[in-house]
Amino acid sequence: MSSKQFAAMGQLMSEELAQHTQKEEFFSELFGFLTGSGSFDNSVSELAECFTRYSLSKPLYKSTLKRFLPFLIDCVKNALSLTQLRSMLEEAGFVEEIITTIISNYSKQFMQLNKQVLDSILTFNKLVDVEWVFGTTVHSKNVKKAMEIFVEMSLLIDCDPYGIGDEKRYNFQLNLTEFTNFLNTLESMKAKMIGN
C-alpha cells in the first residue's frame, strides 16, 4: 500500500470515527473480526453488518477491508512494537483518539492476532488455474540438454485471505520427470479432497 493510500485511509477513518460515541466498541469488533475463527463468508458479512450497525460509510468499509486489516496483519507478521505502530499511524494522519484506541486493541489482541496470522500462513492458497506447454530444447551449450523435453508451467494463485481477488501468476520450467511428479502430487491432493 502506498503512503498516499494509507494517509487517505487514515483521514477517512479519523473523520468518521473521531467523534463517534462507540469507537471503542467498533474497534473491539474490528479486531474480533481478525481473531475470529468462523468461516470467511460469515466473517465478511458480519463485518459489513458491523459497519451498518455503527452507521459507517461504504468507502470506509472498503478501505478497512482492503487496506487497514491487511496493514494490521503486516504489523503482526513484522512484530511491530506499539511505538512503531503509533509512529506509522501518526505519519498517516490518524487522530490521537483513534491511535490510542487502535494501540489499545492491538496490545490486548496481539497474542491472538499472532496465532491467527500463523494459522493463515500455514493455510494453503487457492489454486485458480494451471496451464502447461511442452517444449524441446533445440540449442544448448550442453550437448546432453539438446533435444530434451521440458514443460513451461503457469499457475494462477489466489493469494488474498480477504477474497478481494489478489491473484498472482507464477511461471516456471520443469523437466519431464519433475512435471510427472507434479501431476502425481495434484492427483493425490484431488483424491484426498474428494475423499473428505
N, C-alpha and C. Protein backbone atom coordinates (compact mmCIF):
# COMPACT_ATOMS: atom_id res chain seq x y z
N MET A 1 0.85 -1.17 0.00
CA MET A 1 0.00 0.00 0.00
C MET A 1 0.90 1.23 0.00
N SER A 2 0.55 2.17 -0.86
CA SER A 2 1.35 3.40 -0.93
C SER A 2 1.07 4.28 0.29
N SER A 3 2.01 5.17 0.58
CA SER A 3 1.82 6.08 1.72
C SER A 3 0.64 7.01 1.48
N LYS A 4 0.37 7.31 0.21
CA LYS A 4 -0.77 8.17 -0.13
C LYS A 4 -2.10 7.47 0.19
N GLN A 5 -2.19 6.17 -0.16
CA GLN A 5 -3.40 5.39 0.14
C GLN A 5 -3.57 5.25 1.66
N PHE A 6 -2.46 5.02 2.34
CA PHE A 6 -2.51 4.87 3.79
C PHE A 6 -2.96 6.16 4.45
N ALA A 7 -2.46 7.29 3.96
CA ALA A 7 -2.86 8.59 4.50
C ALA A 7 -4.34 8.86 4.24
N ALA A 8 -4.82 8.48 3.04
CA ALA A 8 -6.25 8.66 2.72
C ALA A 8 -7.11 7.82 3.64
N MET A 9 -6.66 6.59 3.91
CA MET A 9 -7.39 5.72 4.82
C MET A 9 -7.40 6.32 6.23
N GLY A 10 -6.25 6.84 6.67
CA GLY A 10 -6.16 7.45 8.00
C GLY A 10 -7.08 8.64 8.13
N GLN A 11 -7.14 9.45 7.09
CA GLN A 11 -8.01 10.63 7.11
C GLN A 11 -9.48 10.22 7.16
N LEU A 12 -9.84 9.26 6.32
CA LEU A 12 -11.23 8.80 6.28
C LEU A 12 -11.64 8.20 7.62
N MET A 13 -10.78 7.36 8.17
CA MET A 13 -11.10 6.72 9.45
C MET A 13 -11.20 7.76 10.56
N SER A 14 -10.29 8.72 10.56
CA SER A 14 -10.31 9.77 11.59
C SER A 14 -11.56 10.63 11.48
N GLU A 15 -11.92 11.00 10.25
CA GLU A 15 -13.12 11.83 10.05
C GLU A 15 -14.38 11.15 10.55
N GLU A 16 -14.53 9.87 10.24
CA GLU A 16 -15.77 9.17 10.60
C GLU A 16 -15.81 8.70 12.05
N LEU A 17 -14.64 8.44 12.63
CA LEU A 17 -14.65 7.80 13.94
C LEU A 17 -14.21 8.68 15.11
N ALA A 18 -13.55 9.79 14.83
CA ALA A 18 -13.01 10.62 15.93
C ALA A 18 -14.11 11.05 16.91
N GLN A 19 -15.26 11.45 16.39
CA GLN A 19 -16.34 11.90 17.24
C GLN A 19 -17.40 10.83 17.50
N HIS A 20 -17.16 9.65 16.98
CA HIS A 20 -18.14 8.56 17.13
C HIS A 20 -18.18 8.12 18.58
N THR A 21 -19.38 8.00 19.12
CA THR A 21 -19.52 7.69 20.55
C THR A 21 -19.21 6.23 20.87
N GLN A 22 -19.20 5.37 19.86
CA GLN A 22 -18.96 3.95 20.12
C GLN A 22 -17.70 3.44 19.42
N LYS A 23 -16.68 4.29 19.29
CA LYS A 23 -15.48 3.87 18.56
C LYS A 23 -14.74 2.72 19.25
N GLU A 24 -14.74 2.71 20.59
CA GLU A 24 -14.07 1.61 21.30
C GLU A 24 -14.74 0.28 20.99
N GLU A 25 -16.08 0.28 21.01
CA GLU A 25 -16.82 -0.94 20.70
C GLU A 25 -16.59 -1.37 19.25
N PHE A 26 -16.56 -0.38 18.34
CA PHE A 26 -16.34 -0.68 16.93
C PHE A 26 -14.98 -1.34 16.74
N PHE A 27 -13.92 -0.75 17.29
CA PHE A 27 -12.58 -1.31 17.11
C PHE A 27 -12.44 -2.66 17.78
N SER A 28 -13.14 -2.84 18.88
CA SER A 28 -13.13 -4.15 19.53
C SER A 28 -13.72 -5.20 18.59
N GLU A 29 -14.82 -4.87 17.93
CA GLU A 29 -15.42 -5.80 16.97
C GLU A 29 -14.52 -5.99 15.76
N LEU A 30 -13.88 -4.91 15.32
CA LEU A 30 -12.99 -4.99 14.16
C LEU A 30 -11.82 -5.93 14.44
N PHE A 31 -11.21 -5.80 15.61
CA PHE A 31 -10.12 -6.71 15.96
C PHE A 31 -10.67 -8.12 16.18
N GLY A 32 -11.90 -8.22 16.66
CA GLY A 32 -12.54 -9.53 16.79
C GLY A 32 -12.71 -10.22 15.45
N PHE A 33 -12.94 -9.42 14.40
CA PHE A 33 -13.04 -9.95 13.05
C PHE A 33 -11.73 -10.63 12.67
N LEU A 34 -10.62 -10.00 13.01
CA LEU A 34 -9.31 -10.57 12.67
C LEU A 34 -8.99 -11.83 13.46
N THR A 35 -9.46 -11.88 14.69
CA THR A 35 -9.13 -13.03 15.54
C THR A 35 -10.21 -14.09 15.54
N GLY A 36 -11.31 -13.84 14.83
CA GLY A 36 -12.42 -14.79 14.78
C GLY A 36 -12.03 -16.10 14.13
N SER A 37 -12.80 -17.12 14.41
CA SER A 37 -12.48 -18.44 13.87
C SER A 37 -13.60 -18.96 12.96
N GLY A 38 -14.54 -18.10 12.61
CA GLY A 38 -15.63 -18.54 11.74
C GLY A 38 -15.19 -18.63 10.29
N SER A 39 -16.14 -19.03 9.42
CA SER A 39 -15.81 -19.10 8.00
C SER A 39 -15.65 -17.69 7.44
N PHE A 40 -14.91 -17.59 6.35
CA PHE A 40 -14.63 -16.28 5.77
C PHE A 40 -15.92 -15.58 5.34
N ASP A 41 -16.83 -16.31 4.66
CA ASP A 41 -18.08 -15.69 4.18
C ASP A 41 -18.88 -15.12 5.33
N ASN A 42 -18.98 -15.86 6.42
CA ASN A 42 -19.70 -15.36 7.59
C ASN A 42 -19.01 -14.14 8.18
N SER A 43 -17.68 -14.17 8.25
CA SER A 43 -16.93 -13.06 8.83
C SER A 43 -17.09 -11.78 8.03
N VAL A 44 -17.04 -11.88 6.70
CA VAL A 44 -17.19 -10.69 5.87
C VAL A 44 -18.59 -10.11 6.02
N SER A 45 -19.60 -10.96 6.04
CA SER A 45 -20.96 -10.45 6.20
C SER A 45 -21.14 -9.85 7.60
N GLU A 46 -20.51 -10.44 8.61
CA GLU A 46 -20.56 -9.88 9.96
C GLU A 46 -19.87 -8.52 10.01
N LEU A 47 -18.75 -8.39 9.28
CA LEU A 47 -18.05 -7.11 9.24
C LEU A 47 -18.91 -6.05 8.56
N ALA A 48 -19.57 -6.41 7.47
CA ALA A 48 -20.45 -5.47 6.78
C ALA A 48 -21.60 -5.04 7.71
N GLU A 49 -22.15 -5.99 8.45
CA GLU A 49 -23.21 -5.67 9.41
C GLU A 49 -22.70 -4.75 10.51
N CYS A 50 -21.46 -4.96 10.92
CA CYS A 50 -20.84 -4.12 11.95
C CYS A 50 -20.78 -2.67 11.47
N PHE A 51 -20.36 -2.45 10.23
CA PHE A 51 -20.28 -1.09 9.68
C PHE A 51 -21.68 -0.47 9.58
N THR A 52 -22.66 -1.26 9.21
CA THR A 52 -24.04 -0.77 9.12
C THR A 52 -24.55 -0.39 10.51
N ARG A 53 -24.29 -1.27 11.48
CA ARG A 53 -24.75 -1.04 12.86
C ARG A 53 -24.17 0.25 13.44
N TYR A 54 -22.93 0.57 13.10
CA TYR A 54 -22.29 1.78 13.62
C TYR A 54 -22.45 2.97 12.68
N SER A 55 -23.30 2.81 11.66
CA SER A 55 -23.59 3.88 10.68
C SER A 55 -22.33 4.44 10.03
N LEU A 56 -21.46 3.55 9.60
CA LEU A 56 -20.21 3.94 8.94
C LEU A 56 -20.35 3.75 7.43
N SER A 57 -19.60 4.54 6.68
CA SER A 57 -19.78 4.59 5.23
C SER A 57 -19.20 3.38 4.51
N LYS A 58 -19.71 3.18 3.29
CA LYS A 58 -19.22 2.12 2.43
C LYS A 58 -17.75 2.35 2.03
N PRO A 59 -17.33 3.61 1.73
CA PRO A 59 -15.91 3.81 1.42
C PRO A 59 -14.99 3.42 2.60
N LEU A 60 -15.43 3.68 3.83
CA LEU A 60 -14.63 3.30 4.99
C LEU A 60 -14.58 1.78 5.10
N TYR A 61 -15.71 1.12 4.84
CA TYR A 61 -15.76 -0.35 4.87
C TYR A 61 -14.76 -0.93 3.86
N LYS A 62 -14.79 -0.43 2.63
CA LYS A 62 -13.89 -0.94 1.59
C LYS A 62 -12.44 -0.66 1.94
N SER A 63 -12.17 0.53 2.42
CA SER A 63 -10.80 0.89 2.80
C SER A 63 -10.30 0.02 3.95
N THR A 64 -11.18 -0.25 4.89
CA THR A 64 -10.81 -1.10 6.03
C THR A 64 -10.50 -2.51 5.55
N LEU A 65 -11.36 -3.05 4.69
CA LEU A 65 -11.19 -4.41 4.20
C LEU A 65 -9.95 -4.54 3.31
N LYS A 66 -9.71 -3.56 2.46
CA LYS A 66 -8.59 -3.65 1.51
C LYS A 66 -7.27 -3.17 2.08
N ARG A 67 -7.31 -2.23 3.01
CA ARG A 67 -6.06 -1.62 3.46
C ARG A 67 -5.77 -1.78 4.95
N PHE A 68 -6.76 -1.45 5.80
CA PHE A 68 -6.48 -1.42 7.23
C PHE A 68 -6.26 -2.83 7.81
N LEU A 69 -7.11 -3.77 7.47
CA LEU A 69 -6.94 -5.12 8.00
C LEU A 69 -5.64 -5.76 7.51
N PRO A 70 -5.32 -5.67 6.19
CA PRO A 70 -4.01 -6.18 5.77
C PRO A 70 -2.84 -5.46 6.44
N PHE A 71 -3.00 -4.15 6.69
CA PHE A 71 -1.96 -3.39 7.40
C PHE A 71 -1.75 -3.98 8.80
N LEU A 72 -2.84 -4.24 9.53
CA LEU A 72 -2.71 -4.81 10.87
C LEU A 72 -2.05 -6.19 10.82
N ILE A 73 -2.39 -6.99 9.84
CA ILE A 73 -1.79 -8.31 9.69
C ILE A 73 -0.29 -8.17 9.44
N ASP A 74 0.09 -7.22 8.58
CA ASP A 74 1.52 -6.98 8.34
C ASP A 74 2.23 -6.53 9.60
N CYS A 75 1.55 -5.71 10.40
CA CYS A 75 2.15 -5.27 11.67
C CYS A 75 2.45 -6.47 12.57
N VAL A 76 1.51 -7.41 12.63
CA VAL A 76 1.70 -8.60 13.45
C VAL A 76 2.81 -9.48 12.86
N LYS A 77 2.78 -9.68 11.54
CA LYS A 77 3.82 -10.51 10.88
C LYS A 77 5.21 -9.96 11.15
N ASN A 78 5.33 -8.63 11.16
CA ASN A 78 6.62 -8.00 11.38
C ASN A 78 6.90 -7.70 12.85
N ALA A 79 5.99 -8.14 13.71
CA ALA A 79 6.12 -7.95 15.17
C ALA A 79 6.43 -6.50 15.53
N LEU A 80 5.65 -5.59 14.98
CA LEU A 80 5.86 -4.17 15.28
C LEU A 80 5.57 -3.89 16.75
N SER A 81 6.40 -3.07 17.33
CA SER A 81 6.16 -2.65 18.71
C SER A 81 5.03 -1.62 18.71
N LEU A 82 4.51 -1.35 19.88
CA LEU A 82 3.45 -0.34 19.99
C LEU A 82 3.98 1.03 19.57
N THR A 83 5.23 1.31 19.86
CA THR A 83 5.84 2.59 19.46
C THR A 83 5.93 2.70 17.95
N GLN A 84 6.35 1.63 17.30
CA GLN A 84 6.44 1.63 15.84
C GLN A 84 5.06 1.79 15.21
N LEU A 85 4.08 1.08 15.76
CA LEU A 85 2.72 1.19 15.24
C LEU A 85 2.20 2.61 15.41
N ARG A 86 2.41 3.18 16.59
CA ARG A 86 1.98 4.57 16.85
C ARG A 86 2.61 5.51 15.83
N SER A 87 3.89 5.36 15.60
CA SER A 87 4.60 6.22 14.65
C SER A 87 4.00 6.12 13.25
N MET A 88 3.70 4.91 12.80
CA MET A 88 3.11 4.73 11.47
C MET A 88 1.73 5.36 11.37
N LEU A 89 0.94 5.20 12.42
CA LEU A 89 -0.42 5.77 12.43
C LEU A 89 -0.36 7.30 12.46
N GLU A 90 0.58 7.85 13.23
CA GLU A 90 0.74 9.31 13.27
C GLU A 90 1.15 9.85 11.91
N GLU A 91 2.11 9.17 11.26
CA GLU A 91 2.56 9.59 9.94
C GLU A 91 1.43 9.58 8.92
N ALA A 92 0.50 8.65 9.09
CA ALA A 92 -0.62 8.53 8.15
C ALA A 92 -1.73 9.54 8.45
N GLY A 93 -1.60 10.28 9.54
CA GLY A 93 -2.58 11.31 9.84
C GLY A 93 -3.76 10.87 10.68
N PHE A 94 -3.64 9.73 11.33
CA PHE A 94 -4.71 9.31 12.25
C PHE A 94 -4.73 10.27 13.43
N VAL A 95 -5.92 10.60 13.93
CA VAL A 95 -6.01 11.47 15.10
C VAL A 95 -5.70 10.68 16.36
N GLU A 96 -5.31 11.39 17.41
CA GLU A 96 -4.83 10.76 18.65
C GLU A 96 -5.85 9.79 19.25
N GLU A 97 -7.12 10.16 19.27
CA GLU A 97 -8.14 9.28 19.87
C GLU A 97 -8.20 7.93 19.16
N ILE A 98 -8.10 7.96 17.84
CA ILE A 98 -8.15 6.73 17.05
C ILE A 98 -6.87 5.93 17.27
N ILE A 99 -5.74 6.61 17.29
CA ILE A 99 -4.46 5.93 17.52
C ILE A 99 -4.48 5.20 18.85
N THR A 100 -4.93 5.88 19.89
CA THR A 100 -4.99 5.29 21.23
C THR A 100 -5.88 4.05 21.24
N THR A 101 -7.02 4.14 20.58
CA THR A 101 -7.95 3.02 20.54
C THR A 101 -7.35 1.84 19.77
N ILE A 102 -6.70 2.12 18.65
CA ILE A 102 -6.08 1.05 17.85
C ILE A 102 -4.95 0.39 18.64
N ILE A 103 -4.10 1.21 19.27
CA ILE A 103 -2.97 0.70 20.05
C ILE A 103 -3.48 -0.18 21.19
N SER A 104 -4.52 0.27 21.87
CA SER A 104 -5.08 -0.50 22.98
C SER A 104 -5.57 -1.87 22.52
N ASN A 105 -6.31 -1.90 21.41
CA ASN A 105 -6.81 -3.18 20.90
C ASN A 105 -5.69 -4.06 20.37
N TYR A 106 -4.72 -3.45 19.71
CA TYR A 106 -3.57 -4.19 19.18
C TYR A 106 -2.82 -4.86 20.34
N SER A 107 -2.62 -4.11 21.40
CA SER A 107 -1.91 -4.62 22.56
C SER A 107 -2.68 -5.78 23.21
N LYS A 108 -3.98 -5.61 23.41
CA LYS A 108 -4.80 -6.64 24.05
C LYS A 108 -4.90 -7.90 23.20
N GLN A 109 -4.97 -7.72 21.89
CA GLN A 109 -5.25 -8.84 20.99
C GLN A 109 -4.00 -9.41 20.32
N PHE A 110 -2.80 -8.90 20.66
CA PHE A 110 -1.60 -9.27 19.90
C PHE A 110 -1.37 -10.78 19.87
N MET A 111 -1.47 -11.45 20.99
CA MET A 111 -1.20 -12.90 21.02
C MET A 111 -2.19 -13.66 20.15
N GLN A 112 -3.46 -13.28 20.22
CA GLN A 112 -4.48 -13.95 19.40
C GLN A 112 -4.26 -13.62 17.92
N LEU A 113 -3.92 -12.36 17.62
CA LEU A 113 -3.63 -11.97 16.23
C LEU A 113 -2.43 -12.75 15.70
N ASN A 114 -1.42 -12.89 16.53
CA ASN A 114 -0.22 -13.62 16.13
C ASN A 114 -0.56 -15.07 15.80
N LYS A 115 -1.38 -15.69 16.62
CA LYS A 115 -1.80 -17.07 16.37
C LYS A 115 -2.58 -17.15 15.06
N GLN A 116 -3.48 -16.20 14.85
CA GLN A 116 -4.31 -16.19 13.64
C GLN A 116 -3.44 -16.02 12.39
N VAL A 117 -2.46 -15.14 12.46
CA VAL A 117 -1.56 -14.91 11.32
C VAL A 117 -0.76 -16.18 11.03
N LEU A 118 -0.25 -16.82 12.07
CA LEU A 118 0.49 -18.07 11.86
C LEU A 118 -0.39 -19.13 11.23
N ASP A 119 -1.62 -19.24 11.70
CA ASP A 119 -2.55 -20.20 11.11
C ASP A 119 -2.80 -19.90 9.64
N SER A 120 -2.96 -18.62 9.31
CA SER A 120 -3.25 -18.27 7.91
C SER A 120 -2.03 -18.49 7.02
N ILE A 121 -0.83 -18.32 7.57
CA ILE A 121 0.37 -18.58 6.78
C ILE A 121 0.47 -20.06 6.46
N LEU A 122 0.04 -20.89 7.40
CA LEU A 122 0.13 -22.33 7.21
C LEU A 122 -1.00 -22.87 6.33
N THR A 123 -1.99 -22.04 6.05
CA THR A 123 -3.10 -22.45 5.19
C THR A 123 -2.67 -22.31 3.74
N PHE A 124 -3.08 -23.27 2.93
CA PHE A 124 -2.71 -23.21 1.51
C PHE A 124 -3.53 -22.15 0.80
N ASN A 125 -2.89 -21.50 -0.17
CA ASN A 125 -3.59 -20.56 -1.02
C ASN A 125 -4.43 -21.34 -2.03
N LYS A 126 -5.36 -20.65 -2.66
CA LYS A 126 -6.28 -21.30 -3.59
C LYS A 126 -5.67 -21.32 -4.99
N LEU A 127 -5.56 -22.51 -5.55
CA LEU A 127 -5.09 -22.67 -6.91
C LEU A 127 -6.26 -22.41 -7.85
N VAL A 128 -6.14 -21.38 -8.68
CA VAL A 128 -7.23 -20.98 -9.56
C VAL A 128 -7.12 -21.65 -10.93
N ASP A 129 -5.90 -21.69 -11.48
CA ASP A 129 -5.73 -22.23 -12.83
C ASP A 129 -4.31 -22.77 -13.00
N VAL A 130 -4.19 -23.84 -13.81
CA VAL A 130 -2.90 -24.42 -14.15
C VAL A 130 -2.83 -24.53 -15.67
N GLU A 131 -1.74 -24.06 -16.23
CA GLU A 131 -1.51 -24.21 -17.68
C GLU A 131 -0.11 -24.77 -17.87
N TRP A 132 0.05 -25.58 -18.91
CA TRP A 132 1.39 -26.05 -19.24
C TRP A 132 1.53 -26.22 -20.74
N VAL A 133 2.77 -26.07 -21.20
CA VAL A 133 3.10 -26.21 -22.60
C VAL A 133 4.39 -27.04 -22.68
N PHE A 134 4.36 -28.08 -23.52
CA PHE A 134 5.56 -28.89 -23.72
C PHE A 134 6.47 -28.22 -24.73
N GLY A 135 7.76 -28.39 -24.54
CA GLY A 135 8.74 -27.84 -25.48
C GLY A 135 9.95 -28.74 -25.57
N THR A 136 10.79 -28.45 -26.54
CA THR A 136 12.02 -29.21 -26.73
C THR A 136 13.17 -28.23 -26.85
N THR A 137 14.25 -28.51 -26.13
CA THR A 137 15.43 -27.67 -26.21
C THR A 137 16.08 -27.93 -27.57
N VAL A 138 16.16 -26.90 -28.40
CA VAL A 138 16.71 -27.04 -29.74
C VAL A 138 18.21 -26.80 -29.73
N HIS A 139 18.66 -25.84 -28.96
CA HIS A 139 20.08 -25.50 -28.97
C HIS A 139 20.55 -25.27 -27.54
N SER A 140 21.68 -25.83 -27.20
CA SER A 140 22.24 -25.64 -25.87
C SER A 140 23.75 -25.83 -25.94
N LYS A 141 24.47 -25.14 -25.08
CA LYS A 141 25.92 -25.33 -24.99
C LYS A 141 26.22 -26.72 -24.44
N ASN A 142 25.32 -27.22 -23.63
CA ASN A 142 25.47 -28.55 -23.06
C ASN A 142 24.81 -29.55 -24.01
N VAL A 143 25.59 -30.42 -24.62
CA VAL A 143 25.10 -31.38 -25.61
C VAL A 143 24.00 -32.28 -25.03
N LYS A 144 24.11 -32.62 -23.76
CA LYS A 144 23.12 -33.50 -23.13
C LYS A 144 21.75 -32.84 -23.02
N LYS A 145 21.74 -31.50 -23.01
CA LYS A 145 20.47 -30.76 -22.89
C LYS A 145 19.74 -30.64 -24.22
N ALA A 146 20.46 -30.73 -25.34
CA ALA A 146 19.83 -30.60 -26.66
C ALA A 146 18.80 -31.71 -26.86
N MET A 147 17.65 -31.34 -27.41
CA MET A 147 16.54 -32.25 -27.69
C MET A 147 15.87 -32.80 -26.42
N GLU A 148 16.13 -32.16 -25.28
CA GLU A 148 15.49 -32.57 -24.03
C GLU A 148 14.10 -31.95 -23.96
N ILE A 149 13.13 -32.72 -23.48
CA ILE A 149 11.75 -32.23 -23.35
C ILE A 149 11.63 -31.48 -22.02
N PHE A 150 10.94 -30.34 -22.06
CA PHE A 150 10.68 -29.57 -20.85
C PHE A 150 9.21 -29.14 -20.88
N VAL A 151 8.75 -28.65 -19.74
CA VAL A 151 7.37 -28.18 -19.62
C VAL A 151 7.39 -26.78 -19.02
N GLU A 152 6.79 -25.82 -19.72
CA GLU A 152 6.62 -24.46 -19.20
C GLU A 152 5.31 -24.46 -18.41
N MET A 153 5.40 -24.17 -17.11
CA MET A 153 4.23 -24.18 -16.22
C MET A 153 3.80 -22.75 -15.90
N SER A 154 2.49 -22.59 -15.73
CA SER A 154 1.95 -21.31 -15.30
C SER A 154 0.82 -21.60 -14.31
N LEU A 155 1.00 -21.12 -13.06
CA LEU A 155 -0.01 -21.32 -12.02
C LEU A 155 -0.63 -19.98 -11.66
N LEU A 156 -1.94 -19.93 -11.60
CA LEU A 156 -2.64 -18.74 -11.14
C LEU A 156 -3.13 -19.04 -9.73
N ILE A 157 -2.64 -18.27 -8.76
CA ILE A 157 -2.93 -18.50 -7.34
C ILE A 157 -3.68 -17.31 -6.78
N ASP A 158 -4.77 -17.58 -6.01
CA ASP A 158 -5.47 -16.53 -5.28
C ASP A 158 -4.80 -16.43 -3.92
N CYS A 159 -4.01 -15.37 -3.74
CA CYS A 159 -3.19 -15.20 -2.53
C CYS A 159 -3.87 -14.35 -1.47
N ASP A 160 -5.08 -13.89 -1.72
CA ASP A 160 -5.70 -12.92 -0.84
C ASP A 160 -6.58 -13.58 0.21
N PRO A 161 -6.22 -13.47 1.50
CA PRO A 161 -7.04 -14.08 2.54
C PRO A 161 -8.39 -13.40 2.71
N TYR A 162 -8.56 -12.21 2.13
CA TYR A 162 -9.81 -11.48 2.30
C TYR A 162 -10.73 -11.61 1.10
N GLY A 163 -10.34 -12.38 0.08
CA GLY A 163 -11.21 -12.62 -1.06
C GLY A 163 -11.43 -11.44 -1.97
N ILE A 164 -10.52 -10.49 -1.97
CA ILE A 164 -10.69 -9.30 -2.80
C ILE A 164 -10.16 -9.56 -4.21
N GLY A 165 -9.52 -10.67 -4.44
CA GLY A 165 -9.08 -11.03 -5.77
C GLY A 165 -7.63 -10.72 -6.07
N ASP A 166 -6.77 -10.92 -5.11
CA ASP A 166 -5.35 -10.69 -5.32
C ASP A 166 -4.75 -11.96 -5.91
N GLU A 167 -4.82 -12.09 -7.24
CA GLU A 167 -4.30 -13.27 -7.91
C GLU A 167 -2.91 -13.00 -8.46
N LYS A 168 -2.05 -13.99 -8.33
CA LYS A 168 -0.68 -13.86 -8.84
C LYS A 168 -0.40 -15.05 -9.74
N ARG A 169 0.32 -14.77 -10.82
CA ARG A 169 0.70 -15.83 -11.75
C ARG A 169 2.17 -16.17 -11.53
N TYR A 170 2.45 -17.46 -11.37
CA TYR A 170 3.80 -17.95 -11.20
C TYR A 170 4.17 -18.81 -12.40
N ASN A 171 5.24 -18.46 -13.08
CA ASN A 171 5.71 -19.18 -14.25
C ASN A 171 7.05 -19.84 -13.93
N PHE A 172 7.20 -21.09 -14.34
CA PHE A 172 8.46 -21.79 -14.13
C PHE A 172 8.57 -22.93 -15.13
N GLN A 173 9.75 -23.54 -15.17
CA GLN A 173 10.01 -24.61 -16.12
C GLN A 173 10.40 -25.88 -15.38
N LEU A 174 9.86 -27.02 -15.83
CA LEU A 174 10.18 -28.32 -15.24
C LEU A 174 10.69 -29.26 -16.32
N ASN A 175 11.55 -30.20 -15.92
CA ASN A 175 11.88 -31.26 -16.86
C ASN A 175 10.75 -32.28 -16.81
N LEU A 176 10.78 -33.26 -17.67
CA LEU A 176 9.67 -34.21 -17.79
C LEU A 176 9.42 -34.99 -16.50
N THR A 177 10.49 -35.39 -15.83
CA THR A 177 10.34 -36.14 -14.57
C THR A 177 9.69 -35.26 -13.49
N GLU A 178 10.14 -34.03 -13.38
CA GLU A 178 9.57 -33.11 -12.39
C GLU A 178 8.09 -32.85 -12.68
N PHE A 179 7.75 -32.71 -13.96
CA PHE A 179 6.36 -32.48 -14.35
C PHE A 179 5.48 -33.67 -13.97
N THR A 180 5.98 -34.88 -14.22
CA THR A 180 5.24 -36.10 -13.87
C THR A 180 5.00 -36.16 -12.37
N ASN A 181 6.03 -35.84 -11.58
CA ASN A 181 5.88 -35.81 -10.12
C ASN A 181 4.86 -34.76 -9.69
N PHE A 182 4.89 -33.59 -10.35
CA PHE A 182 3.94 -32.51 -10.05
C PHE A 182 2.51 -32.98 -10.32
N LEU A 183 2.27 -33.61 -11.47
CA LEU A 183 0.93 -34.11 -11.79
C LEU A 183 0.47 -35.17 -10.80
N ASN A 184 1.38 -36.06 -10.40
CA ASN A 184 1.02 -37.08 -9.42
C ASN A 184 0.63 -36.46 -8.09
N THR A 185 1.34 -35.40 -7.70
CA THR A 185 1.01 -34.69 -6.46
C THR A 185 -0.37 -34.05 -6.55
N LEU A 186 -0.67 -33.41 -7.70
CA LEU A 186 -2.00 -32.80 -7.88
C LEU A 186 -3.10 -33.86 -7.84
N GLU A 187 -2.87 -34.99 -8.49
CA GLU A 187 -3.86 -36.08 -8.48
C GLU A 187 -4.07 -36.62 -7.07
N SER A 188 -2.99 -36.73 -6.32
CA SER A 188 -3.07 -37.22 -4.94
C SER A 188 -3.89 -36.24 -4.07
N MET A 189 -3.63 -34.93 -4.24
CA MET A 189 -4.37 -33.92 -3.48
C MET A 189 -5.86 -33.94 -3.87
N LYS A 190 -6.14 -34.09 -5.15
CA LYS A 190 -7.52 -34.13 -5.63
C LYS A 190 -8.24 -35.33 -5.01
N ALA A 191 -7.58 -36.49 -5.00
CA ALA A 191 -8.18 -37.70 -4.43
C ALA A 191 -8.48 -37.49 -2.95
N LYS A 192 -7.56 -36.86 -2.22
CA LYS A 192 -7.77 -36.61 -0.79
C LYS A 192 -8.94 -35.66 -0.56
N MET A 193 -9.05 -34.63 -1.41
CA MET A 193 -10.14 -33.66 -1.26
C MET A 193 -11.49 -34.31 -1.57
N ILE A 194 -11.54 -35.13 -2.59
CA ILE A 194 -12.79 -35.81 -2.94
C ILE A 194 -13.16 -36.82 -1.88
N GLY A 195 -12.15 -37.47 -1.30
CA GLY A 195 -12.38 -38.47 -0.26
C GLY A 195 -12.89 -37.89 1.04
N ASN A 196 -12.63 -36.58 1.30
CA ASN A 196 -13.07 -35.95 2.56
C ASN A 196 -14.50 -35.56 2.54
